[in-house]
Amino acid sequence: MTGEHVTFRLNGETIQLDAPGDARLIDLLRDDLGYMAAKKGCGIGRCGACSVLMNGAPVNACLLMPWQLQGADIITPEGLDRLSEATVIRQALAAENAFQCGYCAPGFTIVLTALLREKPDAGEADIRAALEGNLCRCTGYHSIIRGALAAVAALAGETQ
């Protein structure tokens, strides 16, 4: 397969690279660029462990090919520190002990950040709908939902 030369923004920095045409973003991030927070999970876009933001929307990095990256703005879990919503979300999830092993936590945080940037007053139904593509094998999701609702309240300036 032929290679692709792509230029895109990654966590605020311009990246130019030559990648095999059959490479996936998750492999480029972890193997070539050293970004390890997005995890390899199912590899077919069903678990959400590899979630990143692409032009502000959550996407599965295991499904993105190099040609799709051209000109895109990608934010990995490592880049979330630049977004104030992500800090609030992380704090709220931690306060609720939302995760046990933490493998899925970066993907959940990416998706919740996208949701609350678009809809800061999201309700439980919105949160559940947004998280449909993310799997956690350790929890019953109740603590994750509580953490997300606490983040909504914190973003609204309410006491928790």
Protein backbone atom coordinates (compact mmCIF):
# COMPACT_ATOMS: atom_id res chain seq x y z
CA MET A 1 0.00 0.00 0.00
CA THR A 2 1.31 3.46 -0.82
CA GLY A 3 2.12 6.03 1.79
CA GLU A 4 0.31 9.23 2.64
CA HIS A 5 1.90 12.57 3.46
CA VAL A 6 -0.41 14.36 5.87
CA THR A 7 -0.38 17.63 7.74
CA PHE A 8 -2.72 18.13 10.69
CA ARG A 9 -2.83 19.73 14.13
CA LEU A 10 -2.32 17.48 17.12
CA ASN A 11 -2.95 18.98 20.55
CA GLY A 12 -2.26 22.44 19.12
CA GLU A 13 0.92 21.59 17.23
CA THR A 14 1.28 21.13 13.49
CA ILE A 15 2.32 17.60 12.58
CA GLN A 16 3.62 16.51 9.21
CA LEU A 17 4.26 12.87 8.62
CA ASP A 18 4.50 10.17 6.03
CA ALA A 19 2.38 7.21 6.99
CA PRO A 20 1.50 3.93 5.34
CA GLY A 21 -1.87 4.27 3.64
CA ASP A 22 -3.27 1.44 5.74
CA ALA A 23 -2.13 2.90 9.08
CA ARG A 24 -4.75 3.83 11.66
CA LEU A 25 -4.60 6.98 13.74
CA ILE A 26 -4.44 4.96 16.96
CA ASP A 27 -1.28 3.25 15.71
CA LEU A 28 0.28 6.52 14.58
CA LEU A 29 -0.49 8.13 17.93
CA ARG A 30 0.89 5.30 20.06
CA ASP A 31 3.67 3.81 17.93
CA ASP A 32 5.00 6.80 16.02
CA LEU A 33 4.11 9.90 18.05
CA GLY A 34 4.27 8.57 21.63
CA TYR A 35 0.75 9.49 22.73
CA MET A 36 -0.41 6.64 24.93
CA ALA A 37 -3.62 7.83 26.65
CA ALA A 38 -5.95 6.76 23.82
CA LYS A 39 -6.06 2.98 24.16
CA LYS A 40 -6.26 0.17 21.66
CA GLY A 41 -9.40 -1.71 22.54
CA CYS A 42 -11.64 -3.49 20.10
CA GLY A 43 -10.06 -2.10 16.93
CA ILE A 44 -13.45 -1.89 15.18
CA GLY A 45 -14.98 1.28 16.64
CA ARG A 46 -17.23 -0.28 19.24
CA CYS A 47 -15.58 0.34 22.61
CA GLY A 48 -14.53 4.00 22.60
CA ALA A 49 -11.18 3.39 24.33
CA CYS A 50 -9.36 5.06 21.44
CA SER A 51 -11.57 8.16 21.31
CA VAL A 52 -10.06 11.49 20.28
CA LEU A 53 -11.58 14.79 19.25
CA MET A 54 -11.42 15.52 15.53
CA ASN A 55 -12.49 19.06 14.71
CA GLY A 56 -14.32 19.08 18.05
CA ALA A 57 -16.26 15.85 17.57
CA PRO A 58 -15.45 12.54 19.28
CA VAL A 59 -14.21 9.87 16.86
CA ASN A 60 -12.64 6.44 17.15
CA ALA A 61 -8.94 6.66 16.31
CA CYS A 62 -8.98 2.98 15.33
CA LEU A 63 -11.19 3.87 12.35
CA LEU A 64 -9.31 6.92 11.05
CA MET A 65 -6.91 6.47 8.16
CA PRO A 66 -4.10 8.92 7.29
CA TRP A 67 -5.90 10.53 4.34
CA GLN A 68 -8.74 11.51 6.69
CA LEU A 69 -6.35 13.48 8.90
CA GLN A 70 -5.32 16.03 6.28
CA GLY A 71 -6.02 19.51 7.70
CA ALA A 72 -7.83 18.14 10.76
CA ASP A 73 -7.53 19.37 14.33
CA ILE A 74 -7.00 16.33 16.58
CA ILE A 75 -7.05 16.46 20.38
CA THR A 76 -5.99 13.37 22.28
CA PRO A 77 -6.67 12.80 25.97
CA GLU A 78 -3.22 14.30 26.64
CA GLY A 79 -4.35 17.53 24.97
CA LEU A 80 -7.52 17.92 27.03
CA ASP A 81 -5.71 20.03 29.63
CA ARG A 82 -6.18 22.99 27.26
CA LEU A 83 -9.97 22.73 27.60
CA SER A 84 -11.53 24.02 30.82
CA GLU A 85 -14.51 21.66 30.51
CA ALA A 86 -12.19 18.66 30.53
CA THR A 87 -10.61 19.72 33.81
CA VAL A 88 -14.04 20.00 35.44
CA ILE A 89 -15.10 16.64 33.99
CA ARG A 90 -11.95 14.89 35.22
CA GLN A 91 -12.40 16.32 38.72
CA ALA A 92 -16.06 15.30 38.86
CA LEU A 93 -15.35 11.77 37.63
CA ALA A 94 -12.55 11.39 40.17
CA ALA A 95 -14.79 12.66 42.99
CA GLU A 96 -17.36 9.99 42.10
CA ASN A 97 -14.72 7.23 41.81
CA ALA A 98 -16.10 6.70 38.32
CA PHE A 99 -13.50 4.19 37.16
CA GLN A 100 -11.84 1.17 38.67
CA CYS A 101 -9.04 0.12 36.33
CA GLY A 102 -9.07 3.35 34.29
CA TYR A 103 -8.47 1.78 30.87
CA CYS A 104 -11.64 3.32 29.45
CA ALA A 105 -11.38 6.65 31.32
CA PRO A 106 -9.64 8.64 28.56
CA GLY A 107 -12.30 7.69 26.03
CA PHE A 108 -15.15 8.57 28.38
CA THR A 109 -13.48 11.90 29.18
CA ILE A 110 -13.08 12.73 25.48
CA VAL A 111 -16.76 12.02 24.75
CA LEU A 112 -18.02 13.90 27.80
CA THR A 113 -15.83 16.88 26.93
CA ALA A 114 -17.29 17.01 23.42
CA LEU A 115 -20.82 16.74 24.81
CA LEU A 116 -20.45 19.42 27.48
CA ARG A 117 -18.68 21.81 25.12
CA GLU A 118 -21.68 21.53 22.79
CA LYS A 119 -24.39 21.21 25.43
CA PRO A 120 -23.23 22.39 28.87
CA ASP A 121 -26.69 21.83 30.34
CA ALA A 122 -26.84 18.18 29.26
CA GLY A 123 -29.21 15.99 31.22
CA GLU A 124 -28.91 12.32 32.07
CA ALA A 125 -30.56 11.23 28.81
CA ASP A 126 -28.08 13.35 26.80
CA ILE A 127 -25.16 11.88 28.73
CA ARG A 128 -26.35 8.31 28.27
CA ALA A 129 -26.86 8.89 24.54
CA ALA A 130 -23.39 10.42 24.14
CA LEU A 131 -21.75 7.52 25.97
CA GLU A 132 -23.44 4.76 23.95
CA GLY A 133 -20.20 4.08 22.05
CA ASN A 134 -18.06 3.73 25.17
CA LEU A 135 -17.68 0.50 27.11
CA CYS A 136 -16.48 0.00 30.66
CA ARG A 137 -16.01 -3.53 31.91
CA CYS A 138 -15.42 -2.62 35.56
CA THR A 139 -18.33 -0.43 36.64
CA GLY A 140 -22.08 -0.44 36.37
CA TYR A 141 -21.88 3.04 34.79
CA HIS A 142 -23.74 4.63 37.72
CA SER A 143 -20.63 6.38 39.02
CA ILE A 144 -19.74 7.59 35.52
CA ILE A 145 -23.22 9.09 35.08
CA ARG A 146 -23.04 10.69 38.55
CA GLY A 147 -19.65 12.16 37.68
CA ALA A 148 -20.94 13.54 34.39
CA LEU A 149 -23.97 15.09 36.10
CA ALA A 150 -21.68 16.59 38.75
CA ALA A 151 -19.59 18.12 35.95
CA VAL A 152 -22.73 19.64 34.42
CA ALA A 153 -23.60 21.14 37.81
CA ALA A 154 -20.06 22.43 38.32
CA LEU A 155 -20.00 24.02 34.87
CA ALA A 156 -23.30 25.70 35.69
CA GLY A 157 -21.74 27.06 38.90
CA GLU A 158 -23.95 25.02 41.19
CA THR A 159 -22.68 23.45 44.38
CA GLN A 160 -22.23 19.72 44.28
